[in-house]
Amino acid sequence: AEQAPAPAYTKSLPEAMSFDNFVVGPGSKFPVAAAVAVADAPSKAYNPLLIFGGSGLGKTHLLSAIGSHVKEKTRNFKIAYVPADRFVEAMNQAQDDQLRQKIREDLKHVDLLLIDDMQFLAASEAAQMEMAQVIEHLIDSRKQVVFASDRLPAQIPGFSDRLNSRIMIG
């Protein structure tokens, strides 16, 4: 059977990034341990998981490692890797509610949602509202959500309180 193309707001996992080739530094021991815990047992601990830190510290690598590990371990898991800027662009282009609802429904049916560069969600209030609904649904359904960001949500100008509280409390 031919597989449908991936939506434009998702991206393929960078396969070369794994836990085995992640260089653990003094400041990354806890994020790595949390990422491994999530990869070993999605939605059992740290849900949602927020990995944050400066540029070049391996946030995207850890997201990819989680996704690759889960994909290898559990073949029937539906995984979506979503760069936040692509999600915002898709929401901005989806002028009608039907298209936005389709995007939201697609994401509500994944088992593992990996959102990279979460800070870019601040560019769109509509994207933040949609993402908050998706996160609430996934967590309530015992599905795993993982974010990567260069800052804590409260430090991101324009980031909604609703989305911030959902990410920080779970």
Protein backbone atom coordinates (compact mmCIF):
# COMPACT_ATOMS: atom_id res chain seq x y z
CA ALA A 1 0.00 0.00 0.00
CA GLU A 2 1.23 3.45 -0.85
CA GLN A 3 1.69 5.78 2.10
CA ALA A 4 0.25 9.29 1.96
CA PRO A 5 2.83 12.08 1.97
CA ALA A 6 3.59 13.63 5.36
CA PRO A 7 1.87 16.95 6.06
CA ALA A 8 3.99 20.03 5.31
CA TYR A 9 4.03 21.03 8.98
CA THR A 10 5.89 17.85 9.96
CA LYS A 11 9.43 16.80 9.24
CA SER A 12 11.22 13.44 9.11
CA LEU A 13 13.24 12.53 12.17
CA PRO A 14 16.98 13.04 11.63
CA GLU A 15 17.88 9.32 11.80
CA ALA A 16 21.56 9.86 12.65
CA MET A 17 20.72 11.44 16.01
CA SER A 18 20.50 8.80 18.73
CA PHE A 19 21.17 8.45 22.43
CA ASP A 20 24.30 6.46 21.54
CA ASN A 21 25.95 9.39 19.77
CA PHE A 22 24.77 12.19 22.08
CA VAL A 23 27.67 13.77 23.97
CA VAL A 24 26.56 14.14 27.59
CA GLY A 25 27.95 17.23 29.29
CA PRO A 26 27.69 18.33 32.93
CA GLY A 27 24.56 20.41 32.21
CA SER A 28 22.81 17.77 30.12
CA LYS A 29 22.76 14.77 32.47
CA PHE A 30 19.20 15.37 33.70
CA PRO A 31 17.71 16.22 30.27
CA VAL A 32 19.29 13.07 28.82
CA ALA A 33 18.01 10.93 31.71
CA ALA A 34 14.50 12.41 31.30
CA ALA A 35 14.62 11.88 27.52
CA VAL A 36 15.67 8.23 27.98
CA ALA A 37 12.88 7.71 30.55
CA VAL A 38 10.32 9.12 28.09
CA ALA A 39 11.70 7.04 25.21
CA ASP A 40 11.63 3.85 27.30
CA ALA A 41 8.08 4.39 28.59
CA PRO A 42 6.18 7.13 26.72
CA SER A 43 3.53 8.96 28.79
CA LYS A 44 4.60 7.24 32.02
CA ALA A 45 6.88 10.03 33.31
CA TYR A 46 7.60 13.62 32.36
CA ASN A 47 4.51 14.28 30.28
CA PRO A 48 4.84 16.76 28.77
CA LEU A 49 8.63 16.94 28.75
CA LEU A 50 10.26 20.30 28.09
CA ILE A 51 13.89 20.35 27.04
CA PHE A 52 15.27 23.88 26.98
CA GLY A 53 18.63 25.56 26.67
CA GLY A 54 20.80 27.64 24.41
CA SER A 55 21.54 27.03 20.77
CA GLY A 56 23.78 24.08 19.98
CA LEU A 57 23.22 22.20 23.24
CA GLY A 58 21.50 19.20 21.64
CA LYS A 59 17.78 19.81 22.07
CA THR A 60 16.92 18.68 18.54
CA HIS A 61 19.28 15.74 18.94
CA LEU A 62 17.42 14.61 22.08
CA LEU A 63 14.02 15.01 20.38
CA SER A 64 15.27 12.91 17.48
CA ALA A 65 16.78 10.32 19.80
CA ILE A 66 13.46 9.96 21.65
CA GLY A 67 11.58 9.53 18.38
CA SER A 68 14.10 7.10 16.90
CA HIS A 69 14.21 5.00 20.07
CA VAL A 70 10.41 4.78 20.28
CA LYS A 71 10.13 4.04 16.55
CA GLU A 72 12.69 1.23 16.86
CA LYS A 73 11.12 -0.21 20.02
CA THR A 74 7.43 0.17 19.11
CA ARG A 75 6.85 -0.01 15.37
CA ASN A 76 3.13 0.77 15.49
CA PHE A 77 3.57 4.06 17.36
CA LYS A 78 2.44 7.12 15.40
CA ILE A 79 5.13 9.79 15.79
CA ALA A 80 4.96 13.39 14.59
CA TYR A 81 8.05 15.61 14.60
CA VAL A 82 6.81 19.19 14.21
CA PRO A 83 9.11 22.19 13.92
CA ALA A 84 7.04 24.98 15.51
CA ASP A 85 7.77 27.45 12.70
CA ARG A 86 6.24 25.01 10.18
CA PHE A 87 3.18 24.57 12.40
CA VAL A 88 2.72 28.36 12.67
CA GLU A 89 3.07 28.70 8.89
CA ALA A 90 0.49 25.94 8.32
CA MET A 91 -1.93 27.63 10.73
CA ASN A 92 -1.43 31.00 9.04
CA GLN A 93 -2.04 29.47 5.61
CA ALA A 94 -5.10 27.53 6.79
CA GLN A 95 -7.55 30.38 6.39
CA ASP A 96 -10.65 28.34 6.99
CA ASP A 97 -11.61 26.53 10.16
CA GLN A 98 -11.99 23.19 8.35
CA LEU A 99 -8.32 23.09 7.38
CA ARG A 100 -7.20 24.10 10.87
CA GLN A 101 -9.46 21.42 12.32
CA LYS A 102 -7.91 18.82 9.97
CA ILE A 103 -4.41 19.72 11.18
CA ARG A 104 -5.57 19.59 14.80
CA GLU A 105 -7.30 16.22 14.27
CA ASP A 106 -4.22 14.76 12.52
CA LEU A 107 -2.05 15.65 15.50
CA LYS A 108 -4.60 14.38 18.03
CA HIS A 109 -4.12 10.88 16.59
CA VAL A 110 -0.39 10.56 17.25
CA ASP A 111 1.12 8.60 20.12
CA LEU A 112 4.23 10.79 20.40
CA LEU A 113 4.32 14.48 19.49
CA LEU A 114 7.77 16.08 19.27
CA ILE A 115 7.69 19.88 18.91
CA ASP A 116 10.99 21.56 18.09
CA ASP A 117 11.79 25.24 18.62
CA MET A 118 8.60 25.80 20.61
CA GLN A 119 9.47 29.51 21.00
CA PHE A 120 8.27 30.10 17.42
CA LEU A 121 4.68 29.38 18.49
CA ALA A 122 4.69 32.86 20.07
CA ALA A 123 4.40 34.32 16.55
CA SER A 124 0.75 33.26 16.29
CA GLU A 125 -2.00 33.37 18.86
CA ALA A 126 -4.11 31.06 16.68
CA ALA A 127 -1.30 28.49 16.48
CA GLN A 128 -0.92 28.62 20.25
CA MET A 129 -4.66 28.02 20.73
CA GLU A 130 -4.61 25.06 18.35
CA MET A 131 -1.48 23.60 19.95
CA ALA A 132 -2.96 23.96 23.45
CA GLN A 133 -6.01 21.95 22.35
CA VAL A 134 -3.82 19.25 20.82
CA ILE A 135 -1.62 19.01 23.93
CA GLU A 136 -4.60 18.80 26.27
CA HIS A 137 -6.15 16.05 24.17
CA LEU A 138 -2.93 14.04 23.89
CA ILE A 139 -2.08 14.24 27.58
CA ASP A 140 -5.65 13.40 28.59
CA SER A 141 -5.41 10.41 26.21
CA ARG A 142 -2.13 9.31 27.83
CA LYS A 143 -0.05 10.14 24.76
CA GLN A 144 3.44 11.64 25.06
CA VAL A 145 4.33 15.24 24.21
CA VAL A 146 7.92 16.56 24.13
CA PHE A 147 8.96 20.16 23.52
CA ALA A 148 12.33 21.72 22.80
CA SER A 149 12.86 25.44 23.27
CA ASP A 150 15.65 27.93 23.69
CA ARG A 151 13.83 29.40 26.74
CA LEU A 152 11.21 28.61 29.33
CA PRO A 153 7.71 29.46 28.07
CA ALA A 154 7.30 32.26 30.67
CA GLN A 155 10.41 33.94 29.20
CA ILE A 156 9.04 33.99 25.64
CA PRO A 157 7.36 37.30 24.73
CA GLY A 158 3.85 36.71 23.37
CA PHE A 159 3.57 33.17 24.70
CA SER A 160 0.06 32.53 26.05
CA ASP A 161 -0.55 31.78 29.71
CA ARG A 162 -2.79 28.86 28.74
CA LEU A 163 -0.10 27.14 26.70
CA ASN A 164 2.58 28.00 29.27
CA SER A 165 0.60 26.42 32.10
CA ARG A 166 -0.17 23.31 30.04
CA ILE A 167 3.50 22.81 29.22
CA MET A 168 4.84 23.55 32.68
CA ILE A 169 2.28 21.57 34.69
CA GLY A 170 1.18 18.86 32.27
